[in-house]
């Protein structure tokens, strides 16, 4: 499973937001992988968040058991990474729900 470049994803989200505000057609992502659709990107993101949370949980449990190979700073970094990635996916979900509600409220 490939890692997601957070900066690249953020840049794409900003360009889509800017295009939506100007009511123009969004630019084609130059850095997107060929054949990568939104559903597979979203699935990959959720899987990566799950992997981050599982790693954080495992490291926390190992540290709590007194494993000397696990450093407290590594545990804290993994925990923050899991939290941040979850919050990012949550915000994407919120924006998707908001966009869906706006589309559904449009008069045809």
PDB file of N, CA and C in Angstrom:
ATOM      1  N   UNK A   1       0.846  -1.164   0.000  1.00  0.00           N
ATOM      2  CA  UNK A   1       0.000   0.000   0.000  1.00  0.00           C
ATOM      3  C   UNK A   1       0.895   1.232   0.000  1.00  0.00           C
ATOM      4  N   UNK A   2       0.650   2.143  -0.905  1.00  0.00           N
ATOM      5  CA  UNK A   2       1.475   3.336  -1.045  1.00  0.00           C
ATOM      6  C   UNK A   2       1.083   4.382  -0.019  1.00  0.00           C
ATOM      7  N   UNK A   3       2.078   5.140   0.445  1.00  0.00           N
ATOM      8  CA  UNK A   3       1.809   6.223   1.375  1.00  0.00           C
ATOM      9  C   UNK A   3       1.189   7.394   0.630  1.00  0.00           C
ATOM     10  N   UNK A   4       0.312   8.118   1.312  1.00  0.00           N
ATOM     11  CA  UNK A   4      -0.332   9.279   0.727  1.00  0.00           C
ATOM     12  C   UNK A   4       0.483  10.507   1.095  1.00  0.00           C
ATOM     13  N   UNK A   5       0.800  11.320   0.101  1.00  0.00           N
ATOM     14  CA  UNK A   5       1.526  12.558   0.342  1.00  0.00           C
ATOM     15  C   UNK A   5       0.521  13.604   0.806  1.00  0.00           C
ATOM     16  N   UNK A   6       0.587  13.982   2.075  1.00  0.00           N
ATOM     17  CA  UNK A   6      -0.383  14.894   2.674  1.00  0.00           C
ATOM     18  C   UNK A   6      -0.326  16.259   1.996  1.00  0.00           C
ATOM     19  N   UNK A   7       0.867  16.736   1.691  1.00  0.00           N
ATOM     20  CA  UNK A   7       0.998  18.046   1.049  1.00  0.00           C
ATOM     21  C   UNK A   7       0.366  18.049  -0.328  1.00  0.00           C
ATOM     22  N   UNK A   8       0.551  16.964  -1.062  1.00  0.00           N
ATOM     23  CA  UNK A   8      -0.025  16.852  -2.394  1.00  0.00           C
ATOM     24  C   UNK A   8      -1.553  16.820  -2.299  1.00  0.00           C
ATOM     25  N   UNK A   9      -2.083  16.065  -1.363  1.00  0.00           N
ATOM     26  CA  UNK A   9      -3.526  15.984  -1.173  1.00  0.00           C
ATOM     27  C   UNK A   9      -4.092  17.331  -0.765  1.00  0.00           C
ATOM     28  N   UNK A  10      -3.405  18.039   0.126  1.00  0.00           N
ATOM     29  CA  UNK A  10      -3.848  19.357   0.563  1.00  0.00           C
ATOM     30  C   UNK A  10      -3.832  20.349  -0.598  1.00  0.00           C
ATOM     31  N   UNK A  11      -2.806  20.285  -1.426  1.00  0.00           N
ATOM     32  CA  UNK A  11      -2.713  21.173  -2.578  1.00  0.00           C
ATOM     33  C   UNK A  11      -3.873  20.917  -3.545  1.00  0.00           C
ATOM     34  N   UNK A  12      -4.207  19.649  -3.771  1.00  0.00           N
ATOM     35  CA  UNK A  12      -5.317  19.319  -4.657  1.00  0.00           C
ATOM     36  C   UNK A  12      -6.644  19.791  -4.074  1.00  0.00           C
ATOM     37  N   UNK A  13      -6.811  19.627  -2.772  1.00  0.00           N
ATOM     38  CA  UNK A  13      -8.050  20.064  -2.130  1.00  0.00           C
ATOM     39  C   UNK A  13      -8.201  21.574  -2.217  1.00  0.00           C
ATOM     40  N   UNK A  14      -7.104  22.307  -2.053  1.00  0.00           N
ATOM     41  CA  UNK A  14      -7.159  23.766  -2.153  1.00  0.00           C
ATOM     42  C   UNK A  14      -7.490  24.215  -3.570  1.00  0.00           C
ATOM     43  N   UNK A  15      -6.937  23.543  -4.569  1.00  0.00           N
ATOM     44  CA  UNK A  15      -7.224  23.937  -5.945  1.00  0.00           C
ATOM     45  C   UNK A  15      -8.684  23.648  -6.296  1.00  0.00           C
ATOM     46  N   UNK A  16      -9.225  22.552  -5.788  1.00  0.00           N
ATOM     47  CA  UNK A  16     -10.631  22.240  -6.026  1.00  0.00           C
ATOM     48  C   UNK A  16     -11.521  23.244  -5.307  1.00  0.00           C
ATOM     49  N   UNK A  17     -11.149  23.624  -4.079  1.00  0.00           N
ATOM     50  CA  UNK A  17     -11.934  24.614  -3.339  1.00  0.00           C
ATOM     51  C   UNK A  17     -11.911  25.969  -4.041  1.00  0.00           C
ATOM     52  N   UNK A  18     -10.746  26.361  -4.530  1.00  0.00           N
ATOM     53  CA  UNK A  18     -10.642  27.640  -5.238  1.00  0.00           C
ATOM     54  C   UNK A  18     -11.465  27.614  -6.518  1.00  0.00           C
ATOM     55  N   UNK A  19     -11.443  26.494  -7.219  1.00  0.00           N
ATOM     56  CA  UNK A  19     -12.223  26.376  -8.444  1.00  0.00           C
ATOM     57  C   UNK A  19     -13.717  26.391  -8.143  1.00  0.00           C
ATOM     58  N   UNK A  20     -14.118  25.788  -7.045  1.00  0.00           N
ATOM     59  CA  UNK A  20     -15.532  25.778  -6.674  1.00  0.00           C
ATOM     60  C   UNK A  20     -16.011  27.174  -6.296  1.00  0.00           C
ATOM     61  N   UNK A  21     -15.153  27.940  -5.648  1.00  0.00           N
ATOM     62  CA  UNK A  21     -15.533  29.300  -5.262  1.00  0.00           C
ATOM     63  C   UNK A  21     -15.634  30.214  -6.469  1.00  0.00           C
ATOM     64  N   UNK A  22     -14.840  29.978  -7.480  1.00  0.00           N
ATOM     65  CA  UNK A  22     -14.891  30.826  -8.670  1.00  0.00           C
ATOM     66  C   UNK A  22     -15.886  30.295  -9.703  1.00  0.00           C
ATOM     67  N   UNK A  23     -16.568  29.204  -9.383  1.00  0.00           N
ATOM     68  CA  UNK A  23     -17.573  28.578 -10.244  1.00  0.00           C
ATOM     69  C   UNK A  23     -17.006  28.192 -11.606  1.00  0.00           C
ATOM     70  N   UNK A  24     -15.753  27.825 -11.625  1.00  0.00           N
ATOM     71  CA  UNK A  24     -15.149  27.378 -12.867  1.00  0.00           C
ATOM     72  C   UNK A  24     -14.880  25.884 -12.772  1.00  0.00           C
ATOM     73  N   UNK A  25     -14.540  25.314 -13.893  1.00  0.00           N
ATOM     74  CA  UNK A  25     -14.232  23.890 -13.931  1.00  0.00           C
ATOM     75  C   UNK A  25     -12.917  23.653 -13.196  1.00  0.00           C
ATOM     76  N   UNK A  26     -12.862  22.664 -12.273  1.00  0.00           N
ATOM     77  CA  UNK A  26     -11.611  22.424 -11.552  1.00  0.00           C
ATOM     78  C   UNK A  26     -10.518  21.923 -12.491  1.00  0.00           C
ATOM     79  N   UNK A  27      -9.278  22.338 -12.228  1.00  0.00           N
ATOM     80  CA  UNK A  27      -8.182  21.886 -13.080  1.00  0.00           C
ATOM     81  C   UNK A  27      -7.933  20.391 -12.887  1.00  0.00           C
ATOM     82  N   UNK A  28      -7.457  19.774 -13.940  1.00  0.00           N
ATOM     83  CA  UNK A  28      -7.122  18.358 -13.869  1.00  0.00           C
ATOM     84  C   UNK A  28      -5.857  18.216 -13.040  1.00  0.00           C
ATOM     85  N   UNK A  29      -5.889  17.309 -12.102  1.00  0.00           N
ATOM     86  CA  UNK A  29      -4.734  17.112 -11.225  1.00  0.00           C
ATOM     87  C   UNK A  29      -3.586  16.546 -12.035  1.00  0.00           C
ATOM     88  N   UNK A  30      -2.500  17.290 -12.063  1.00  0.00           N
ATOM     89  CA  UNK A  30      -1.334  16.859 -12.824  1.00  0.00           C
ATOM     90  C   UNK A  30      -0.572  15.765 -12.098  1.00  0.00           C
ATOM     91  N   UNK A  31      -0.702  15.743 -10.774  1.00  0.00           N
ATOM     92  CA  UNK A  31       0.091  14.803 -10.000  1.00  0.00           C
ATOM     93  C   UNK A  31      -0.679  13.536  -9.649  1.00  0.00           C
ATOM     94  N   UNK A  32      -1.937  13.436 -10.039  1.00  0.00           N
ATOM     95  CA  UNK A  32      -2.724  12.240  -9.723  1.00  0.00           C
ATOM     96  C   UNK A  32      -2.214  11.055 -10.523  1.00  0.00           C
ATOM     97  N   UNK A  33      -2.258   9.918  -9.911  1.00  0.00           N
ATOM     98  CA  UNK A  33      -1.817   8.703 -10.590  1.00  0.00           C
ATOM     99  C   UNK A  33      -2.818   8.361 -11.683  1.00  0.00           C
ATOM    100  N   UNK A  34      -2.331   7.884 -12.829  1.00  0.00           N
ATOM    101  CA  UNK A  34      -3.250   7.528 -13.904  1.00  0.00           C
ATOM    102  C   UNK A  34      -4.155   6.372 -13.467  1.00  0.00           C
ATOM    103  N   UNK A  35      -5.439   6.518 -13.734  1.00  0.00           N
ATOM    104  CA  UNK A  35      -6.390   5.480 -13.388  1.00  0.00           C
ATOM    105  C   UNK A  35      -6.853   5.532 -11.946  1.00  0.00           C
ATOM    106  N   UNK A  36      -6.414   6.519 -11.179  1.00  0.00           N
ATOM    107  CA  UNK A  36      -6.806   6.638  -9.771  1.00  0.00           C
ATOM    108  C   UNK A  36      -8.075   7.478  -9.706  1.00  0.00           C
ATOM    109  N   UNK A  37      -9.172   6.879  -9.275  1.00  0.00           N
ATOM    110  CA  UNK A  37     -10.407   7.633  -9.132  1.00  0.00           C
ATOM    111  C   UNK A  37     -10.607   8.037  -7.675  1.00  0.00           C
ATOM    112  N   UNK A  38     -11.614   8.858  -7.445  1.00  0.00           N
ATOM    113  CA  UNK A  38     -11.832   9.397  -6.111  1.00  0.00           C
ATOM    114  C   UNK A  38     -12.167   8.303  -5.102  1.00  0.00           C
ATOM    115  N   UNK A  39     -12.970   7.339  -5.497  1.00  0.00           N
ATOM    116  CA  UNK A  39     -13.376   6.269  -4.579  1.00  0.00           C
ATOM    117  C   UNK A  39     -12.169   5.469  -4.100  1.00  0.00           C
ATOM    118  N   UNK A  40     -11.261   5.150  -5.000  1.00  0.00           N
ATOM    119  CA  UNK A  40     -10.091   4.370  -4.589  1.00  0.00           C
ATOM    120  C   UNK A  40      -9.135   5.217  -3.748  1.00  0.00           C
ATOM    121  N   UNK A  41      -9.057   6.504  -4.042  1.00  0.00           N
ATOM    122  CA  UNK A  41      -8.235   7.400  -3.231  1.00  0.00           C
ATOM    123  C   UNK A  41      -8.807   7.524  -1.823  1.00  0.00           C
ATOM    124  N   UNK A  42     -10.129   7.624  -1.727  1.00  0.00           N
ATOM    125  CA  UNK A  42     -10.779   7.711  -0.425  1.00  0.00           C
ATOM    126  C   UNK A  42     -10.593   6.414   0.358  1.00  0.00           C
ATOM    127  N   UNK A  43     -10.746   5.290  -0.323  1.00  0.00           N
ATOM    128  CA  UNK A  43     -10.554   3.995   0.339  1.00  0.00           C
ATOM    129  C   UNK A  43      -9.119   3.857   0.838  1.00  0.00           C
ATOM    130  N   UNK A  44      -8.171   4.251   0.031  1.00  0.00           N
ATOM    131  CA  UNK A  44      -6.762   4.182   0.410  1.00  0.00           C
ATOM    132  C   UNK A  44      -6.489   5.085   1.611  1.00  0.00           C
ATOM    133  N   UNK A  45      -7.111   6.247   1.635  1.00  0.00           N
ATOM    134  CA  UNK A  45      -6.927   7.165   2.760  1.00  0.00           C
ATOM    135  C   UNK A  45      -7.473   6.579   4.054  1.00  0.00           C
ATOM    136  N   UNK A  46      -8.655   5.978   3.979  1.00  0.00           N
ATOM    137  CA  UNK A  46      -9.251   5.374   5.173  1.00  0.00           C
ATOM    138  C   UNK A  46      -8.396   4.203   5.655  1.00  0.00           C
ATOM    139  N   UNK A  47      -7.879   3.410   4.738  1.00  0.00           N
ATOM    140  CA  UNK A  47      -7.004   2.298   5.118  1.00  0.00           C
ATOM    141  C   UNK A  47      -5.724   2.800   5.779  1.00  0.00           C
ATOM    142  N   UNK A  48      -5.185   3.905   5.278  1.00  0.00           N
ATOM    143  CA  UNK A  48      -3.976   4.476   5.865  1.00  0.00           C
ATOM    144  C   UNK A  48      -4.250   5.009   7.266  1.00  0.00           C
ATOM    145  N   UNK A  49      -5.406   5.634   7.456  1.00  0.00           N
ATOM    146  CA  UNK A  49      -5.790   6.118   8.785  1.00  0.00           C
ATOM    147  C   UNK A  49      -5.914   4.940   9.743  1.00  0.00           C
ATOM    148  N   UNK A  50      -6.547   3.873   9.284  1.00  0.00           N
ATOM    149  CA  UNK A  50      -6.686   2.679  10.117  1.00  0.00           C
ATOM    150  C   UNK A  50      -5.316   2.112  10.486  1.00  0.00           C
ATOM    151  N   UNK A  51      -4.414   2.062   9.528  1.00  0.00           N
ATOM    152  CA  UNK A  51      -3.072   1.547   9.801  1.00  0.00           C
ATOM    153  C   UNK A  51      -2.354   2.432  10.820  1.00  0.00           C
ATOM    154  N   UNK A  52      -2.506   3.756  10.695  1.00  0.00           N
ATOM    155  CA  UNK A  52      -1.897   4.674  11.662  1.00  0.00           C
ATOM    156  C   UNK A  52      -2.460   4.460  13.058  1.00  0.00           C
ATOM    157  N   UNK A  53      -3.768   4.267  13.155  1.00  0.00           N
ATOM    158  CA  UNK A  53      -4.386   4.061  14.456  1.00  0.00           C
ATOM    159  C   UNK A  53      -3.969   2.722  15.067  1.00  0.00           C
ATOM    160  N   UNK A  54      -3.883   1.689  14.253  1.00  0.00           N
ATOM    161  CA  UNK A  54      -3.465   0.376  14.751  1.00  0.00           C
ATOM    162  C   UNK A  54      -2.015   0.427  15.247  1.00  0.00           C
ATOM    163  N   UNK A  55      -1.148   1.114  14.496  1.00  0.00           N
ATOM    164  CA  UNK A  55       0.252   1.246  14.890  1.00  0.00           C
ATOM    165  C   UNK A  55       0.364   2.017  16.199  1.00  0.00           C
ATOM    166  N   UNK A  56      -0.395   3.102  16.307  1.00  0.00           N
ATOM    167  CA  UNK A  56      -0.380   3.907  17.523  1.00  0.00           C
ATOM    168  C   UNK A  56      -0.855   3.094  18.718  1.00  0.00           C
ATOM    169  N   UNK A  57      -1.905   2.336  18.527  1.00  0.00           N
ATOM    170  CA  UNK A  57      -2.449   1.510  19.607  1.00  0.00           C
ATOM    171  C   UNK A  57      -1.446   0.443  20.045  1.00  0.00           C
ATOM    172  N   UNK A  58      -0.811  -0.189  19.074  1.00  0.00           N
ATOM    173  CA  UNK A  58       0.175  -1.225  19.383  1.00  0.00           C
ATOM    174  C   UNK A  58       1.376  -0.637  20.120  1.00  0.00           C
ATOM    175  N   UNK A  59       1.829   0.529  19.675  1.00  0.00           N
ATOM    176  CA  UNK A  59       2.972   1.163  20.338  1.00  0.00           C
ATOM    177  C   UNK A  59       2.617   1.605  21.754  1.00  0.00           C
ATOM    178  N   UNK A  60       1.408   2.125  21.943  1.00  0.00           N
ATOM    179  CA  UNK A  60       0.963   2.537  23.284  1.00  0.00           C
ATOM    180  C   UNK A  60       0.887   1.341  24.221  1.00  0.00           C
ATOM    181  N   UNK A  61       0.352   0.234  23.721  1.00  0.00           N
ATOM    182  CA  UNK A  61       0.250  -0.972  24.542  1.00  0.00           C
ATOM    183  C   UNK A  61       1.637  -1.502  24.897  1.00  0.00           C
ATOM    184  N   UNK A  62       2.543  -1.492  23.926  1.00  0.00           N
ATOM    185  CA  UNK A  62       3.899  -1.973  24.180  1.00  0.00           C
ATOM    186  C   UNK A  62       4.597  -1.088  25.210  1.00  0.00           C
ATOM    187  N   UNK A  63       4.422   0.220  25.108  1.00  0.00           N
ATOM    188  CA  UNK A  63       5.037   1.130  26.069  1.00  0.00           C
ATOM    189  C   UNK A  63       4.443   0.930  27.463  1.00  0.00           C
ATOM    190  N   UNK A  64       3.128   0.724  27.526  1.00  0.00           N
ATOM    191  CA  UNK A  64       2.463   0.517  28.813  1.00  0.00           C
ATOM    192  C   UNK A  64       2.918  -0.774  29.485  1.00  0.00           C
ATOM    193  N   UNK A  65       3.282  -1.768  28.683  1.00  0.00           N
ATOM    194  CA  UNK A  65       3.755  -3.044  29.228  1.00  0.00           C
ATOM    195  C   UNK A  65       5.218  -2.967  29.659  1.00  0.00           C
ATOM    196  N   UNK A  66       5.871  -1.861  29.346  1.00  0.00           N
ATOM    197  CA  UNK A  66       7.255  -1.684  29.768  1.00  0.00           C
ATOM    198  C   UNK A  66       8.278  -2.136  28.747  1.00  0.00           C
ATOM    199  N   UNK A  67       7.883  -2.269  27.487  1.00  0.00           N
ATOM    200  CA  UNK A  67       8.816  -2.653  26.425  1.00  0.00           C
ATOM    201  C   UNK A  67       9.872  -1.559  26.272  1.00  0.00           C
ATOM    202  N   UNK A  68      11.129  -1.927  26.445  1.00  0.00           N
ATOM    203  CA  UNK A  68      12.211  -0.940  26.396  1.00  0.00           C
ATOM    204  C   UNK A  68      12.574  -0.525  24.970  1.00  0.00           C
ATOM    205  N   UNK A  69      12.099  -1.259  23.981  1.00  0.00           N
ATOM    206  CA  UNK A  69      12.417  -0.909  22.596  1.00  0.00           C
ATOM    207  C   UNK A  69      11.510   0.203  22.064  1.00  0.00           C
ATOM    208  N   UNK A  70      10.475   0.554  22.829  1.00  0.00           N
ATOM    209  CA  UNK A  70       9.542   1.599  22.407  1.00  0.00           C
ATOM    210  C   UNK A  70       9.803   2.851  23.229  1.00  0.00           C
ATOM    211  N   UNK A  71      10.114   3.928  22.539  1.00  0.00           N
ATOM    212  CA  UNK A  71      10.414   5.204  23.186  1.00  0.00           C
ATOM    213  C   UNK A  71       9.134   6.027  23.327  1.00  0.00           C
ATOM    214  N   UNK A  72       9.028   6.790  24.390  1.00  0.00           N
ATOM    215  CA  UNK A  72       7.842   7.609  24.634  1.00  0.00           C
ATOM    216  C   UNK A  72       7.610   8.615  23.511  1.00  0.00           C
ATOM    217  N   UNK A  73       8.679   9.190  22.991  1.00  0.00           N
ATOM    218  CA  UNK A  73       8.507  10.166  21.906  1.00  0.00           C
ATOM    219  C   UNK A  73       7.928   9.510  20.656  1.00  0.00           C
ATOM    220  N   UNK A  74       8.349   8.268  20.377  1.00  0.00           N
ATOM    221  CA  UNK A  74       7.797   7.546  19.225  1.00  0.00           C
ATOM    222  C   UNK A  74       6.313   7.269  19.429  1.00  0.00           C
ATOM    223  N   UNK A  75       5.941   6.926  20.652  1.00  0.00           N
ATOM    224  CA  UNK A  75       4.530   6.671  20.966  1.00  0.00           C
ATOM    225  C   UNK A  75       3.712   7.936  20.769  1.00  0.00           C
ATOM    226  N   UNK A  76       4.204   9.048  21.252  1.00  0.00           N
ATOM    227  CA  UNK A  76       3.483  10.314  21.130  1.00  0.00           C
ATOM    228  C   UNK A  76       3.374  10.771  19.679  1.00  0.00           C
ATOM    229  N   UNK A  77       4.436  10.592  18.908  1.00  0.00           N
ATOM    230  CA  UNK A  77       4.402  10.969  17.491  1.00  0.00           C
ATOM    231  C   UNK A  77       3.399  10.099  16.746  1.00  0.00           C
ATOM    232  N   UNK A  78       3.412   8.803  17.002  1.00  0.00           N
ATOM    233  CA  UNK A  78       2.458   7.902  16.348  1.00  0.00           C
ATOM    234  C   UNK A  78       1.026   8.250  16.733  1.00  0.00           C
ATOM    235  N   UNK A  79       0.823   8.593  17.994  1.00  0.00           N
ATOM    236  CA  UNK A  79      -0.512   8.972  18.457  1.00  0.00           C
ATOM    237  C   UNK A  79      -0.995  10.253  17.771  1.00  0.00           C
ATOM    238  N   UNK A  80      -0.136  11.233  17.675  1.00  0.00           N
ATOM    239  CA  UNK A  80      -0.513  12.491  17.028  1.00  0.00           C
ATOM    240  C   UNK A  80      -0.730  12.307  15.531  1.00  0.00           C
ATOM    241  N   UNK A  81       0.086  11.460  14.908  1.00  0.00           N
ATOM    242  CA  UNK A  81      -0.082  11.183  13.486  1.00  0.00           C
ATOM    243  C   UNK A  81      -1.429  10.516  13.232  1.00  0.00           C
ATOM    244  N   UNK A  82      -1.795   9.564  14.076  1.00  0.00           N
ATOM    245  CA  UNK A  82      -3.083   8.887  13.936  1.00  0.00           C
ATOM    246  C   UNK A  82      -4.233   9.866  14.143  1.00  0.00           C
ATOM    247  N   UNK A  83      -4.098  10.718  15.142  1.00  0.00           N
ATOM    248  CA  UNK A  83      -5.148  11.694  15.423  1.00  0.00           C
ATOM    249  C   UNK A  83      -5.299  12.696  14.279  1.00  0.00           C
ATOM    250  N   UNK A  84      -4.201  13.188  13.774  1.00  0.00           N
ATOM    251  CA  UNK A  84      -4.229  14.166  12.693  1.00  0.00           C
ATOM    252  C   UNK A  84      -4.804  13.564  11.414  1.00  0.00           C
ATOM    253  N   UNK A  85      -4.400  12.345  11.092  1.00  0.00           N
ATOM    254  CA  UNK A  85      -4.924  11.716   9.871  1.00  0.00           C
ATOM    255  C   UNK A  85      -6.419  11.439  10.005  1.00  0.00           C
ATOM    256  N   UNK A  86      -6.868  11.056  11.210  1.00  0.00           N
ATOM    257  CA  UNK A  86      -8.295  10.835  11.422  1.00  0.00           C
ATOM    258  C   UNK A  86      -9.070  12.136  11.276  1.00  0.00           C
ATOM    259  N   UNK A  87      -8.557  13.215  11.837  1.00  0.00           N
ATOM    260  CA  UNK A  87      -9.227  14.507  11.729  1.00  0.00           C
ATOM    261  C   UNK A  87      -9.310  14.969  10.271  1.00  0.00           C
ATOM    262  N   UNK A  88      -8.270  14.718   9.490  1.00  0.00           N
ATOM    263  CA  UNK A  88      -8.280  15.104   8.076  1.00  0.00           C
ATOM    264  C   UNK A  88      -9.353  14.339   7.314  1.00  0.00           C
ATOM    265  N   UNK A  89      -9.441  13.035   7.548  1.00  0.00           N
ATOM    266  CA  UNK A  89     -10.455  12.231   6.867  1.00  0.00           C
ATOM    267  C   UNK A  89     -11.850  12.642   7.334  1.00  0.00           C
ATOM    268  N   UNK A  90     -11.993  12.977   8.596  1.00  0.00           N
ATOM    269  CA  UNK A  90     -13.272  13.431   9.122  1.00  0.00           C
ATOM    270  C   UNK A  90     -13.705  14.731   8.444  1.00  0.00           C
ATOM    271  N   UNK A  91     -12.774  15.635   8.231  1.00  0.00           N
ATOM    272  CA  UNK A  91     -13.098  16.896   7.556  1.00  0.00           C
ATOM    273  C   UNK A  91     -13.482  16.670   6.100  1.00  0.00           C
ATOM    274  N   UNK A  92     -12.806  15.735   5.434  1.00  0.00           N
ATOM    275  CA  UNK A  92     -13.175  15.398   4.054  1.00  0.00           C
ATOM    276  C   UNK A  92     -14.587  14.834   4.029  1.00  0.00           C
ATOM    277  N   UNK A  93     -14.899  13.956   4.994  1.00  0.00           N
ATOM    278  CA  UNK A  93     -16.240  13.393   5.069  1.00  0.00           C
ATOM    279  C   UNK A  93     -17.272  14.489   5.287  1.00  0.00           C
ATOM    280  N   UNK A  94     -16.984  15.427   6.175  1.00  0.00           N
ATOM    281  CA  UNK A  94     -17.914  16.526   6.436  1.00  0.00           C
ATOM    282  C   UNK A  94     -18.158  17.365   5.181  1.00  0.00           C
ATOM    283  N   UNK A  95     -17.106  17.625   4.434  1.00  0.00           N
ATOM    284  CA  UNK A  95     -17.256  18.402   3.201  1.00  0.00           C
ATOM    285  C   UNK A  95     -18.048  17.628   2.160  1.00  0.00           C
ATOM    286  N   UNK A  96     -17.844  16.318   2.091  1.00  0.00           N
ATOM    287  CA  UNK A  96     -18.611  15.500   1.148  1.00  0.00           C
ATOM    288  C   UNK A  96     -20.093  15.505   1.502  1.00  0.00           C
ATOM    289  N   UNK A  97     -20.408  15.373   2.771  1.00  0.00           N
ATOM    290  CA  UNK A  97     -21.804  15.406   3.212  1.00  0.00           C
ATOM    291  C   UNK A  97     -22.418  16.769   2.915  1.00  0.00           C
ATOM    292  N   UNK A  98     -21.675  17.820   3.182  1.00  0.00           N
ATOM    293  CA  UNK A  98     -22.164  19.170   2.910  1.00  0.00           C
ATOM    294  C   UNK A  98     -22.422  19.358   1.411  1.00  0.00           C
ATOM    295  N   UNK A  99     -21.504  18.895   0.575  1.00  0.00           N
ATOM    296  CA  UNK A  99     -21.681  19.020  -0.872  1.00  0.00           C
ATOM    297  C   UNK A  99     -22.887  18.209  -1.336  1.00  0.00           C
ATOM    298  N   UNK A 100     -23.057  17.019  -0.802  1.00  0.00           N
ATOM    299  CA  UNK A 100     -24.205  16.184  -1.152  1.00  0.00           C
ATOM    300  C   UNK A 100     -25.505  16.882  -0.778  1.00  0.00           C
ATOM    301  N   UNK A 101     -25.546  17.454   0.427  1.00  0.00           N
ATOM    302  CA  UNK A 101     -26.760  18.156   0.850  1.00  0.00           C
ATOM    303  C   UNK A 101     -27.054  19.358  -0.014  1.00  0.00           C
ATOM    304  N   UNK A 102     -26.030  20.077  -0.460  1.00  0.00           N
ATOM    305  CA  UNK A 102     -26.243  21.211  -1.344  1.00  0.00           C
ATOM    306  C   UNK A 102     -26.772  20.776  -2.703  1.00  0.00           C
ATOM    307  N   UNK A 103     -26.240  19.686  -3.223  1.00  0.00           N
ATOM    308  CA  UNK A 103     -26.709  19.180  -4.514  1.00  0.00           C
ATOM    309  C   UNK A 103     -28.154  18.715  -4.400  1.00  0.00           C
ATOM    310  N   UNK A 104     -28.476  18.037  -3.313  1.00  0.00           N
ATOM    311  CA  UNK A 104     -29.830  17.521  -3.141  1.00  0.00           C
ATOM    312  C   UNK A 104     -30.847  18.646  -2.920  1.00  0.00           C
ATOM    313  N   UNK A 105     -30.419  19.790  -2.433  1.00  0.00           N
ATOM    314  CA  UNK A 105     -31.350  20.886  -2.194  1.00  0.00           C
ATOM    315  C   UNK A 105     -31.527  21.787  -3.426  1.00  0.00           C
ATOM    316  N   UNK A 106     -30.781  21.529  -4.484  1.00  0.00           N
ATOM    317  CA  UNK A 106     -30.920  22.343  -5.700  1.00  0.00           C
ATOM    318  C   UNK A 106     -32.254  22.063  -6.383  1.00  0.00           C
ATOM    319  N   UNK A 107     -32.845  23.109  -6.949  1.00  0.00           N
ATOM    320  CA  UNK A 107     -34.079  22.941  -7.713  1.00  0.00           C
ATOM    321  C   UNK A 107     -33.713  22.540  -9.131  1.00  0.00           C
ATOM    322  N   UNK A 108     -34.379  21.537  -9.605  1.00  0.00           N
ATOM    323  CA  UNK A 108     -34.090  21.045 -10.952  1.00  0.00           C
ATOM    324  C   UNK A 108     -34.992  21.685 -11.968  1.00  0.00           C
TER     325      UNK A 108
END
